[in-house]
Amino acid sequence: MSDEQPESKALAEADDLIVRAKTDRAAFALLYERYFPEISKYCLRRLFVRTIAEDVVSTVFLEVASRLPAFSGRTDTDFRRWLFRIATNAINAQLRNSRRRQELWEAAARSGMWKPNGDANASRSDHDLRDWSAVYRALLELDERERTIVMLRFFSNCSYEEIAEIVAATPGAVRTALSRILTRLRERFQLPLAADSSSDQCP
């Protein structure tokens, strides 16, 4: 049996789950279990404070539960893009509050949440180690759409096509925007950043 057959079966089962979850509570529970870890991670990466991220995750899945019966998509791909769009909107609603946003980013700077671990830095010189508080500040200065693109691309394994669907753009526009963002960050820190992969998935 080829590897394609099990993969095709898994995709078909995932698609079937989306359809069943619209009217079946047990199926929705399975869908929740499937996507809860991924959405929780995405929210925490964007919001940094666990209690706030957890509140947003709860809001996201309550909205999904209420809107799912009317959801027009019928595939797992459709659902994943829709789910991330709902999560992104909920996160951005939190970040639009300037006082809350400042609080969250200061908490992130204190926690060093994105700071690479020791193993990752083992071969780097001291010059390569950035002030991560400054990195957070630089990301804070990006607009809402730019932050969303960076986080979806580098922290949620989203393809350009998925990001385009979430931010209402074309894949080409997403690629261009990301390239410009990285160029600005590269110039700001005077340090070459890792180039984004040309593939559809994050490295």
N, C-alpha and C. Protein backbone atom coordinates (compact mmCIF):
# COMPACT_ATOMS: atom_id res chain seq x y z
N MET A 1 0.85 -1.19 0.00
CA MET A 1 0.00 0.00 0.00
C MET A 1 0.89 1.24 0.00
N SER A 2 0.60 2.21 -0.85
CA SER A 2 1.42 3.40 -0.95
C SER A 2 1.16 4.33 0.23
N ASP A 3 2.09 5.26 0.42
CA ASP A 3 1.93 6.23 1.49
C ASP A 3 0.79 7.19 1.21
N GLU A 4 0.43 7.33 -0.07
CA GLU A 4 -0.61 8.28 -0.45
C GLU A 4 -1.98 7.86 0.06
N GLN A 5 -2.23 6.54 0.13
CA GLN A 5 -3.55 6.06 0.54
C GLN A 5 -3.86 6.38 1.99
N PRO A 6 -2.96 6.10 2.94
CA PRO A 6 -3.25 6.50 4.33
C PRO A 6 -3.42 8.02 4.47
N GLU A 7 -2.59 8.78 3.72
CA GLU A 7 -2.69 10.23 3.79
C GLU A 7 -4.03 10.71 3.25
N SER A 8 -4.46 10.13 2.15
CA SER A 8 -5.74 10.51 1.56
C SER A 8 -6.89 10.17 2.51
N LYS A 9 -6.77 9.02 3.17
CA LYS A 9 -7.80 8.61 4.12
C LYS A 9 -7.87 9.57 5.30
N ALA A 10 -6.70 9.98 5.79
CA ALA A 10 -6.65 10.91 6.92
C ALA A 10 -7.28 12.25 6.54
N LEU A 11 -6.99 12.72 5.32
CA LEU A 11 -7.56 13.99 4.86
C LEU A 11 -9.08 13.89 4.74
N ALA A 12 -9.54 12.74 4.21
CA ALA A 12 -10.98 12.54 4.07
C ALA A 12 -11.66 12.52 5.43
N GLU A 13 -11.02 11.88 6.41
CA GLU A 13 -11.59 11.81 7.75
C GLU A 13 -11.63 13.20 8.40
N ALA A 14 -10.58 13.99 8.15
CA ALA A 14 -10.54 15.34 8.69
C ALA A 14 -11.65 16.20 8.08
N ASP A 15 -11.84 16.06 6.78
CA ASP A 15 -12.90 16.80 6.11
C ASP A 15 -14.28 16.38 6.63
N ASP A 16 -14.44 15.08 6.82
CA ASP A 16 -15.72 14.57 7.32
C ASP A 16 -16.01 15.10 8.72
N LEU A 17 -14.98 15.24 9.53
CA LEU A 17 -15.15 15.76 10.88
C LEU A 17 -15.69 17.19 10.85
N ILE A 18 -15.21 17.99 9.91
CA ILE A 18 -15.68 19.37 9.78
C ILE A 18 -17.17 19.39 9.50
N VAL A 19 -17.61 18.55 8.57
CA VAL A 19 -19.02 18.50 8.19
C VAL A 19 -19.86 18.02 9.36
N ARG A 20 -19.42 16.96 10.05
CA ARG A 20 -20.20 16.41 11.16
C ARG A 20 -20.28 17.36 12.34
N ALA A 21 -19.19 18.12 12.56
CA ALA A 21 -19.14 19.01 13.72
C ALA A 21 -20.17 20.12 13.65
N LYS A 22 -20.70 20.39 12.48
CA LYS A 22 -21.70 21.44 12.34
C LYS A 22 -23.00 21.09 13.07
N THR A 23 -23.27 19.81 13.21
CA THR A 23 -24.53 19.38 13.83
C THR A 23 -24.35 18.37 14.96
N ASP A 24 -23.12 17.90 15.15
CA ASP A 24 -22.85 16.82 16.11
C ASP A 24 -21.91 17.33 17.20
N ARG A 25 -22.38 17.37 18.44
CA ARG A 25 -21.57 17.88 19.54
C ARG A 25 -20.32 17.04 19.78
N ALA A 26 -20.46 15.73 19.63
CA ALA A 26 -19.31 14.86 19.84
C ALA A 26 -18.23 15.14 18.80
N ALA A 27 -18.65 15.38 17.58
CA ALA A 27 -17.69 15.70 16.52
C ALA A 27 -17.03 17.05 16.80
N PHE A 28 -17.81 17.99 17.29
CA PHE A 28 -17.22 19.31 17.62
C PHE A 28 -16.20 19.16 18.75
N ALA A 29 -16.48 18.30 19.72
CA ALA A 29 -15.53 18.07 20.80
C ALA A 29 -14.20 17.55 20.26
N LEU A 30 -14.27 16.65 19.28
CA LEU A 30 -13.04 16.14 18.66
C LEU A 30 -12.32 17.24 17.90
N LEU A 31 -13.08 18.10 17.24
CA LEU A 31 -12.50 19.22 16.50
C LEU A 31 -11.80 20.18 17.47
N TYR A 32 -12.44 20.42 18.59
CA TYR A 32 -11.87 21.29 19.63
C TYR A 32 -10.55 20.70 20.13
N GLU A 33 -10.54 19.42 20.43
CA GLU A 33 -9.32 18.77 20.92
C GLU A 33 -8.21 18.82 19.88
N ARG A 34 -8.58 18.75 18.63
CA ARG A 34 -7.60 18.76 17.55
C ARG A 34 -6.92 20.12 17.42
N TYR A 35 -7.69 21.19 17.54
CA TYR A 35 -7.17 22.52 17.26
C TYR A 35 -6.85 23.36 18.49
N PHE A 36 -7.31 22.94 19.65
CA PHE A 36 -7.07 23.73 20.86
C PHE A 36 -5.58 23.99 21.11
N PRO A 37 -4.69 22.99 21.04
CA PRO A 37 -3.28 23.25 21.32
C PRO A 37 -2.67 24.26 20.34
N GLU A 38 -3.02 24.15 19.07
CA GLU A 38 -2.45 25.03 18.06
C GLU A 38 -2.91 26.48 18.26
N ILE A 39 -4.19 26.67 18.51
CA ILE A 39 -4.71 28.01 18.71
C ILE A 39 -4.22 28.60 20.03
N SER A 40 -4.10 27.77 21.05
CA SER A 40 -3.57 28.24 22.34
C SER A 40 -2.14 28.75 22.18
N LYS A 41 -1.34 28.01 21.44
CA LYS A 41 0.04 28.41 21.22
C LYS A 41 0.10 29.72 20.44
N TYR A 42 -0.73 29.84 19.42
CA TYR A 42 -0.76 31.05 18.61
C TYR A 42 -1.15 32.26 19.46
N CYS A 43 -2.18 32.12 20.26
CA CYS A 43 -2.64 33.22 21.12
C CYS A 43 -1.58 33.61 22.14
N LEU A 44 -0.92 32.62 22.73
CA LEU A 44 0.10 32.91 23.73
C LEU A 44 1.30 33.61 23.10
N ARG A 45 1.68 33.20 21.90
CA ARG A 45 2.78 33.84 21.20
C ARG A 45 2.47 35.30 20.87
N ARG A 46 1.21 35.59 20.61
CA ARG A 46 0.82 36.95 20.27
C ARG A 46 0.55 37.81 21.50
N LEU A 47 0.09 37.19 22.59
CA LEU A 47 -0.36 37.96 23.75
C LEU A 47 0.53 37.84 24.98
N PHE A 48 1.35 36.78 25.05
CA PHE A 48 2.39 36.63 26.07
C PHE A 48 1.91 36.35 27.50
N VAL A 49 0.80 36.91 27.89
CA VAL A 49 0.29 36.70 29.24
C VAL A 49 -0.72 35.56 29.19
N ARG A 50 -0.40 34.49 29.91
CA ARG A 50 -1.18 33.25 29.77
C ARG A 50 -2.66 33.44 30.10
N THR A 51 -2.96 34.19 31.16
CA THR A 51 -4.38 34.34 31.53
C THR A 51 -5.16 35.09 30.45
N ILE A 52 -4.52 36.09 29.84
CA ILE A 52 -5.18 36.84 28.77
C ILE A 52 -5.33 35.96 27.54
N ALA A 53 -4.28 35.21 27.21
CA ALA A 53 -4.35 34.31 26.06
C ALA A 53 -5.44 33.26 26.24
N GLU A 54 -5.55 32.73 27.44
CA GLU A 54 -6.58 31.72 27.71
C GLU A 54 -7.98 32.30 27.54
N ASP A 55 -8.17 33.54 27.98
CA ASP A 55 -9.47 34.19 27.80
C ASP A 55 -9.80 34.34 26.32
N VAL A 56 -8.80 34.71 25.54
CA VAL A 56 -9.02 34.89 24.10
C VAL A 56 -9.33 33.55 23.43
N VAL A 57 -8.61 32.51 23.82
CA VAL A 57 -8.87 31.17 23.26
C VAL A 57 -10.31 30.76 23.54
N SER A 58 -10.78 31.00 24.75
CA SER A 58 -12.16 30.67 25.10
C SER A 58 -13.14 31.45 24.22
N THR A 59 -12.85 32.73 24.03
CA THR A 59 -13.70 33.56 23.16
C THR A 59 -13.72 33.02 21.74
N VAL A 60 -12.56 32.62 21.25
CA VAL A 60 -12.45 32.09 19.89
C VAL A 60 -13.33 30.86 19.70
N PHE A 61 -13.22 29.91 20.61
CA PHE A 61 -13.97 28.66 20.43
C PHE A 61 -15.46 28.84 20.71
N LEU A 62 -15.82 29.79 21.54
CA LEU A 62 -17.24 30.09 21.70
C LEU A 62 -17.81 30.66 20.41
N GLU A 63 -17.04 31.52 19.77
CA GLU A 63 -17.49 32.07 18.49
C GLU A 63 -17.57 31.00 17.42
N VAL A 64 -16.57 30.12 17.40
CA VAL A 64 -16.58 29.02 16.44
C VAL A 64 -17.81 28.15 16.64
N ALA A 65 -18.11 27.82 17.90
CA ALA A 65 -19.26 26.96 18.19
C ALA A 65 -20.56 27.60 17.73
N SER A 66 -20.68 28.91 17.91
CA SER A 66 -21.93 29.58 17.54
C SER A 66 -22.07 29.77 16.04
N ARG A 67 -20.94 29.91 15.35
CA ARG A 67 -21.00 30.20 13.92
C ARG A 67 -20.80 28.98 13.03
N LEU A 68 -20.32 27.88 13.60
CA LEU A 68 -20.00 26.71 12.79
C LEU A 68 -21.18 26.16 11.98
N PRO A 69 -22.41 26.10 12.53
CA PRO A 69 -23.51 25.57 11.72
C PRO A 69 -23.71 26.32 10.40
N ALA A 70 -23.36 27.61 10.38
CA ALA A 70 -23.53 28.40 9.16
C ALA A 70 -22.25 28.50 8.34
N PHE A 71 -21.17 27.88 8.82
CA PHE A 71 -19.89 27.91 8.11
C PHE A 71 -20.03 27.20 6.77
N SER A 72 -19.64 27.86 5.69
CA SER A 72 -19.83 27.30 4.36
C SER A 72 -18.74 26.32 3.93
N GLY A 73 -17.59 26.35 4.62
CA GLY A 73 -16.51 25.44 4.25
C GLY A 73 -16.84 23.99 4.56
N ARG A 74 -16.19 23.09 3.81
CA ARG A 74 -16.46 21.67 4.01
C ARG A 74 -15.18 20.85 4.13
N THR A 75 -14.05 21.51 4.22
CA THR A 75 -12.79 20.79 4.34
C THR A 75 -12.01 21.27 5.56
N ASP A 76 -11.06 20.46 5.99
CA ASP A 76 -10.21 20.81 7.12
C ASP A 76 -9.40 22.07 6.79
N THR A 77 -8.97 22.20 5.55
CA THR A 77 -8.22 23.39 5.13
C THR A 77 -9.07 24.64 5.26
N ASP A 78 -10.32 24.54 4.81
CA ASP A 78 -11.25 25.67 4.94
C ASP A 78 -11.41 26.06 6.42
N PHE A 79 -11.58 25.07 7.26
CA PHE A 79 -11.83 25.33 8.67
C PHE A 79 -10.61 25.95 9.33
N ARG A 80 -9.42 25.43 9.03
CA ARG A 80 -8.21 25.94 9.66
C ARG A 80 -8.00 27.41 9.33
N ARG A 81 -8.23 27.79 8.10
CA ARG A 81 -8.08 29.20 7.71
C ARG A 81 -9.12 30.07 8.41
N TRP A 82 -10.33 29.58 8.48
CA TRP A 82 -11.41 30.31 9.14
C TRP A 82 -11.12 30.47 10.63
N LEU A 83 -10.65 29.40 11.26
CA LEU A 83 -10.33 29.42 12.69
C LEU A 83 -9.22 30.42 13.00
N PHE A 84 -8.17 30.41 12.20
CA PHE A 84 -7.08 31.35 12.43
C PHE A 84 -7.52 32.79 12.18
N ARG A 85 -8.45 32.97 11.25
CA ARG A 85 -8.96 34.32 11.02
C ARG A 85 -9.73 34.82 12.25
N ILE A 86 -10.55 33.96 12.84
CA ILE A 86 -11.29 34.32 14.05
C ILE A 86 -10.31 34.61 15.19
N ALA A 87 -9.30 33.76 15.35
CA ALA A 87 -8.31 33.95 16.42
C ALA A 87 -7.53 35.25 16.22
N THR A 88 -7.15 35.52 14.98
CA THR A 88 -6.41 36.74 14.68
C THR A 88 -7.23 37.98 15.00
N ASN A 89 -8.49 37.96 14.64
CA ASN A 89 -9.36 39.11 14.93
C ASN A 89 -9.51 39.32 16.44
N ALA A 90 -9.63 38.22 17.18
CA ALA A 90 -9.78 38.32 18.64
C ALA A 90 -8.49 38.86 19.27
N ILE A 91 -7.36 38.39 18.79
CA ILE A 91 -6.06 38.87 19.30
C ILE A 91 -5.88 40.35 18.99
N ASN A 92 -6.16 40.73 17.76
CA ASN A 92 -5.97 42.12 17.37
C ASN A 92 -6.90 43.05 18.13
N ALA A 93 -8.07 42.56 18.49
CA ALA A 93 -8.99 43.37 19.30
C ALA A 93 -8.36 43.68 20.65
N GLN A 94 -7.64 42.71 21.21
CA GLN A 94 -6.93 42.94 22.47
C GLN A 94 -5.80 43.95 22.28
N LEU A 95 -5.06 43.81 21.18
CA LEU A 95 -3.89 44.64 20.96
C LEU A 95 -4.22 46.06 20.54
N ARG A 96 -5.46 46.29 20.11
CA ARG A 96 -5.84 47.66 19.74
C ARG A 96 -5.93 48.57 20.97
N ASN A 97 -6.07 47.98 22.13
CA ASN A 97 -6.06 48.75 23.36
C ASN A 97 -4.60 49.07 23.68
N SER A 98 -4.21 50.33 23.47
CA SER A 98 -2.79 50.69 23.58
C SER A 98 -2.22 50.40 24.96
N ARG A 99 -3.01 50.63 26.00
CA ARG A 99 -2.53 50.36 27.36
C ARG A 99 -2.32 48.87 27.56
N ARG A 100 -3.27 48.07 27.10
CA ARG A 100 -3.14 46.62 27.23
C ARG A 100 -1.97 46.11 26.40
N ARG A 101 -1.81 46.66 25.20
CA ARG A 101 -0.72 46.22 24.33
C ARG A 101 0.63 46.49 24.98
N GLN A 102 0.78 47.67 25.57
CA GLN A 102 2.04 47.99 26.24
C GLN A 102 2.29 47.01 27.39
N GLU A 103 1.26 46.70 28.14
CA GLU A 103 1.38 45.77 29.26
C GLU A 103 1.83 44.39 28.78
N LEU A 104 1.23 43.94 27.68
CA LEU A 104 1.56 42.62 27.16
C LEU A 104 2.99 42.54 26.65
N TRP A 105 3.41 43.56 25.92
CA TRP A 105 4.76 43.52 25.37
C TRP A 105 5.82 43.68 26.46
N GLU A 106 5.53 44.45 27.48
CA GLU A 106 6.48 44.55 28.59
C GLU A 106 6.59 43.21 29.32
N ALA A 107 5.46 42.52 29.44
CA ALA A 107 5.48 41.20 30.06
C ALA A 107 6.30 40.23 29.21
N ALA A 108 6.17 40.34 27.90
CA ALA A 108 6.95 39.49 27.00
C ALA A 108 8.44 39.75 27.13
N ALA A 109 8.79 41.02 27.22
CA ALA A 109 10.21 41.37 27.37
C ALA A 109 10.79 40.81 28.65
N ARG A 110 10.00 40.86 29.73
CA ARG A 110 10.47 40.31 31.00
C ARG A 110 10.62 38.80 30.96
N SER A 111 9.71 38.15 30.25
CA SER A 111 9.71 36.68 30.25
C SER A 111 10.72 36.10 29.29
N GLY A 112 11.14 36.87 28.27
CA GLY A 112 12.04 36.34 27.27
C GLY A 112 11.42 35.20 26.49
N MET A 113 10.12 35.28 26.25
CA MET A 113 9.40 34.16 25.65
C MET A 113 9.97 33.71 24.32
N TRP A 114 10.45 34.65 23.52
CA TRP A 114 10.98 34.26 22.22
C TRP A 114 12.49 34.07 22.23
N LYS A 115 13.10 34.26 23.37
CA LYS A 115 14.56 34.17 23.42
C LYS A 115 15.00 32.74 23.11
N PRO A 116 15.91 32.57 22.15
CA PRO A 116 16.36 31.21 21.81
C PRO A 116 16.96 30.51 23.01
N ASN A 117 16.85 29.18 23.04
CA ASN A 117 17.40 28.45 24.18
C ASN A 117 18.92 28.34 24.06
N GLY A 118 19.53 27.82 25.10
CA GLY A 118 20.99 27.76 25.12
C GLY A 118 21.58 26.96 23.98
N ASP A 119 20.96 25.83 23.65
CA ASP A 119 21.48 25.01 22.58
C ASP A 119 21.47 25.75 21.26
N ALA A 120 20.39 26.49 21.01
CA ALA A 120 20.26 27.21 19.75
C ALA A 120 21.33 28.27 19.61
N ASN A 121 21.82 28.80 20.75
CA ASN A 121 22.79 29.88 20.73
C ASN A 121 24.23 29.40 20.91
N ALA A 122 24.40 28.12 21.04
CA ALA A 122 25.72 27.59 21.38
C ALA A 122 26.80 28.03 20.41
N SER A 123 26.47 28.13 19.11
CA SER A 123 27.48 28.45 18.12
C SER A 123 27.50 29.94 17.77
N ARG A 124 26.70 30.75 18.44
CA ARG A 124 26.63 32.17 18.12
C ARG A 124 27.59 32.97 19.01
N SER A 125 28.12 34.03 18.45
CA SER A 125 28.97 34.91 19.24
C SER A 125 28.10 35.84 20.05
N ASP A 126 28.71 36.49 21.05
CA ASP A 126 27.96 37.43 21.87
C ASP A 126 27.37 38.55 21.03
N HIS A 127 28.03 38.90 19.93
CA HIS A 127 27.54 39.98 19.06
C HIS A 127 26.20 39.61 18.43
N ASP A 128 25.98 38.32 18.24
CA ASP A 128 24.75 37.87 17.59
C ASP A 128 23.55 37.90 18.51
N LEU A 129 23.78 37.99 19.80
CA LEU A 129 22.67 37.95 20.74
C LEU A 129 22.06 39.33 20.88
N ARG A 130 20.82 39.44 20.43
CA ARG A 130 20.14 40.74 20.44
C ARG A 130 19.52 41.02 21.80
N ASP A 131 19.24 42.29 22.03
CA ASP A 131 18.42 42.70 23.17
C ASP A 131 16.98 42.36 22.81
N TRP A 132 16.45 41.30 23.42
CA TRP A 132 15.13 40.82 23.01
C TRP A 132 14.02 41.80 23.36
N SER A 133 14.25 42.63 24.35
CA SER A 133 13.27 43.68 24.63
C SER A 133 13.15 44.62 23.43
N ALA A 134 14.29 44.90 22.80
CA ALA A 134 14.29 45.77 21.62
C ALA A 134 13.58 45.08 20.45
N VAL A 135 13.76 43.76 20.35
CA VAL A 135 13.07 43.01 19.29
C VAL A 135 11.56 43.12 19.48
N TYR A 136 11.10 42.95 20.72
CA TYR A 136 9.67 43.06 20.99
C TYR A 136 9.16 44.45 20.63
N ARG A 137 9.96 45.45 20.96
CA ARG A 137 9.55 46.82 20.65
C ARG A 137 9.44 47.02 19.14
N ALA A 138 10.38 46.45 18.42
CA ALA A 138 10.36 46.58 16.97
C ALA A 138 9.11 45.93 16.38
N LEU A 139 8.76 44.78 16.91
CA LEU A 139 7.55 44.10 16.43
C LEU A 139 6.30 44.89 16.81
N LEU A 140 6.35 45.52 17.96
CA LEU A 140 5.22 46.34 18.39
C LEU A 140 4.98 47.49 17.43
N GLU A 141 6.04 47.98 16.83
CA GLU A 141 5.92 49.12 15.91
C GLU A 141 5.34 48.72 14.56
N LEU A 142 5.29 47.42 14.28
CA LEU A 142 4.65 46.97 13.05
C LEU A 142 3.15 47.21 13.16
N ASP A 143 2.51 47.38 12.04
CA ASP A 143 1.07 47.55 12.13
C ASP A 143 0.41 46.18 12.31
N GLU A 144 -0.88 46.22 12.54
CA GLU A 144 -1.64 45.01 12.89
C GLU A 144 -1.48 43.91 11.85
N ARG A 145 -1.58 44.27 10.59
CA ARG A 145 -1.48 43.31 9.49
C ARG A 145 -0.07 42.71 9.43
N GLU A 146 0.94 43.56 9.59
CA GLU A 146 2.32 43.08 9.52
C GLU A 146 2.64 42.10 10.64
N ARG A 147 2.21 42.44 11.87
CA ARG A 147 2.45 41.53 12.99
C ARG A 147 1.78 40.19 12.74
N THR A 148 0.57 40.24 12.20
CA THR A 148 -0.16 39.01 11.93
C THR A 148 0.60 38.14 10.93
N ILE A 149 1.11 38.75 9.87
CA ILE A 149 1.85 37.99 8.85
C ILE A 149 3.08 37.33 9.45
N VAL A 150 3.85 38.10 10.23
CA VAL A 150 5.07 37.55 10.84
C VAL A 150 4.75 36.38 11.76
N MET A 151 3.75 36.55 12.62
CA MET A 151 3.43 35.51 13.58
C MET A 151 2.87 34.26 12.91
N LEU A 152 2.01 34.44 11.92
CA LEU A 152 1.45 33.28 11.24
C LEU A 152 2.52 32.53 10.46
N ARG A 153 3.43 33.27 9.85
CA ARG A 153 4.45 32.63 9.01
C ARG A 153 5.49 31.90 9.85
N PHE A 154 6.00 32.56 10.89
CA PHE A 154 7.15 32.02 11.61
C PHE A 154 6.80 31.27 12.89
N PHE A 155 5.59 31.40 13.40
CA PHE A 155 5.26 30.74 14.65
C PHE A 155 4.07 29.80 14.56
N SER A 156 3.33 29.82 13.45
CA SER A 156 2.17 28.94 13.33
C SER A 156 2.20 28.05 12.10
N ASN A 157 3.35 27.99 11.42
CA ASN A 157 3.51 27.09 10.28
C ASN A 157 2.47 27.30 9.19
N CYS A 158 2.08 28.53 8.98
CA CYS A 158 1.08 28.81 7.95
C CYS A 158 1.74 29.05 6.60
N SER A 159 1.14 28.53 5.57
CA SER A 159 1.61 28.77 4.21
C SER A 159 1.24 30.18 3.78
N TYR A 160 1.82 30.65 2.70
CA TYR A 160 1.46 31.96 2.17
C TYR A 160 -0.01 31.99 1.77
N GLU A 161 -0.50 30.87 1.24
CA GLU A 161 -1.90 30.80 0.84
C GLU A 161 -2.83 30.94 2.05
N GLU A 162 -2.46 30.28 3.14
CA GLU A 162 -3.28 30.37 4.35
C GLU A 162 -3.26 31.79 4.93
N ILE A 163 -2.08 32.38 4.97
CA ILE A 163 -1.98 33.74 5.49
C ILE A 163 -2.79 34.70 4.63
N ALA A 164 -2.70 34.52 3.32
CA ALA A 164 -3.44 35.39 2.40
C ALA A 164 -4.93 35.33 2.67
N GLU A 165 -5.43 34.13 2.94
CA GLU A 165 -6.85 33.96 3.24
C GLU A 165 -7.21 34.66 4.55
N ILE A 166 -6.33 34.59 5.52
CA ILE A 166 -6.60 35.16 6.84
C ILE A 166 -6.58 36.69 6.81
N VAL A 167 -5.64 37.27 6.07
CA VAL A 167 -5.51 38.73 6.06
C VAL A 167 -6.15 39.37 4.85
N ALA A 168 -6.88 38.58 4.06
CA ALA A 168 -7.59 39.09 2.88
C ALA A 168 -6.63 39.74 1.88
N ALA A 169 -5.65 38.95 1.45
CA ALA A 169 -4.68 39.42 0.47
C ALA A 169 -4.38 38.28 -0.49
N THR A 170 -3.47 38.50 -1.41
CA THR A 170 -3.01 37.44 -2.29
C THR A 170 -1.72 36.86 -1.73
N PRO A 171 -1.38 35.60 -2.05
CA PRO A 171 -0.11 35.04 -1.59
C PRO A 171 1.08 35.90 -2.00
N GLY A 172 1.02 36.45 -3.21
CA GLY A 172 2.11 37.31 -3.68
C GLY A 172 2.26 38.55 -2.82
N ALA A 173 1.13 39.12 -2.43
CA ALA A 173 1.17 40.32 -1.58
C ALA A 173 1.74 39.98 -0.21
N VAL A 174 1.43 38.79 0.30
CA VAL A 174 1.96 38.36 1.59
C VAL A 174 3.47 38.19 1.51
N ARG A 175 3.94 37.55 0.45
CA ARG A 175 5.38 37.38 0.26
C ARG A 175 6.09 38.74 0.22
N THR A 176 5.53 39.67 -0.54
CA THR A 176 6.13 41.00 -0.66
C THR A 176 6.15 41.72 0.68
N ALA A 177 5.03 41.66 1.39
CA ALA A 177 4.95 42.32 2.70
C ALA A 177 5.96 41.74 3.67
N LEU A 178 6.08 40.41 3.69
CA LEU A 178 7.02 39.78 4.61
C LEU A 178 8.46 40.16 4.26
N SER A 179 8.76 40.20 2.99
CA SER A 179 10.11 40.59 2.56
C SER A 179 10.44 42.01 3.02
N ARG A 180 9.48 42.90 2.91
CA ARG A 180 9.70 44.29 3.33
C ARG A 180 9.87 44.39 4.84
N ILE A 181 9.08 43.63 5.57
CA ILE A 181 9.18 43.63 7.03
C ILE A 181 10.57 43.17 7.46
N LEU A 182 11.02 42.05 6.88
CA LEU A 182 12.32 41.51 7.26
C LEU A 182 13.44 42.47 6.88
N THR A 183 13.30 43.16 5.76
CA THR A 183 14.31 44.14 5.36
C THR A 183 14.40 45.27 6.38
N ARG A 184 13.25 45.76 6.83
CA ARG A 184 13.24 46.82 7.82
C ARG A 184 13.86 46.37 9.14
N LEU A 185 13.54 45.15 9.57
CA LEU A 185 14.12 44.64 10.81
C LEU A 185 15.62 44.43 10.66
N ARG A 186 16.03 43.95 9.48
CA ARG A 186 17.44 43.73 9.21
C ARG A 186 18.21 45.05 9.30
N GLU A 187 17.64 46.09 8.73
CA GLU A 187 18.29 47.40 8.76
C GLU A 187 18.31 47.96 10.18
N ARG A 188 17.24 47.75 10.90
CA ARG A 188 17.14 48.30 12.26
C ARG A 188 18.20 47.71 13.17
N PHE A 189 18.41 46.38 13.08
CA PHE A 189 19.35 45.73 13.99
C PHE A 189 20.73 45.51 13.38
N GLN A 190 20.86 45.91 12.10
CA GLN A 190 22.14 45.77 11.41
C GLN A 190 22.68 44.35 11.53
N LEU A 191 21.76 43.42 11.36
CA LEU A 191 22.12 42.00 11.47
C LEU A 191 21.28 41.22 10.49
N PRO A 192 21.89 40.45 9.61
CA PRO A 192 21.10 39.68 8.65
C PRO A 192 20.18 38.72 9.37
N LEU A 193 18.91 38.72 9.00
CA LEU A 193 17.95 37.77 9.56
C LEU A 193 17.87 36.58 8.64
N ALA A 194 17.46 35.43 9.22
CA ALA A 194 17.34 34.22 8.43
C ALA A 194 16.30 34.46 7.33
N ALA A 195 16.66 34.15 6.11
CA ALA A 195 15.73 34.33 4.99
C ALA A 195 14.58 33.38 5.12
N ASP A 196 13.40 33.84 4.75
CA ASP A 196 12.22 33.00 4.78
C ASP A 196 12.33 31.93 3.72
N SER A 197 11.87 30.75 4.03
CA SER A 197 11.90 29.65 3.07
C SER A 197 11.02 29.97 1.89
N SER A 198 11.42 29.51 0.70
CA SER A 198 10.62 29.72 -0.50
C SER A 198 9.51 28.71 -0.61
N SER A 199 9.50 27.73 0.28
CA SER A 199 8.43 26.73 0.26
C SER A 199 7.18 27.30 0.87
N ASP A 200 6.10 26.52 0.78
CA ASP A 200 4.82 27.00 1.31
C ASP A 200 4.73 26.89 2.80
N GLN A 201 5.58 26.11 3.43
CA GLN A 201 5.50 25.92 4.88
C GLN A 201 6.69 26.56 5.55
N CYS A 202 6.49 26.94 6.79
CA CYS A 202 7.59 27.51 7.56
C CYS A 202 8.65 26.45 7.80
N PRO A 203 9.92 26.86 7.94
CA PRO A 203 10.97 25.86 8.23
C PRO A 203 10.79 25.29 9.62
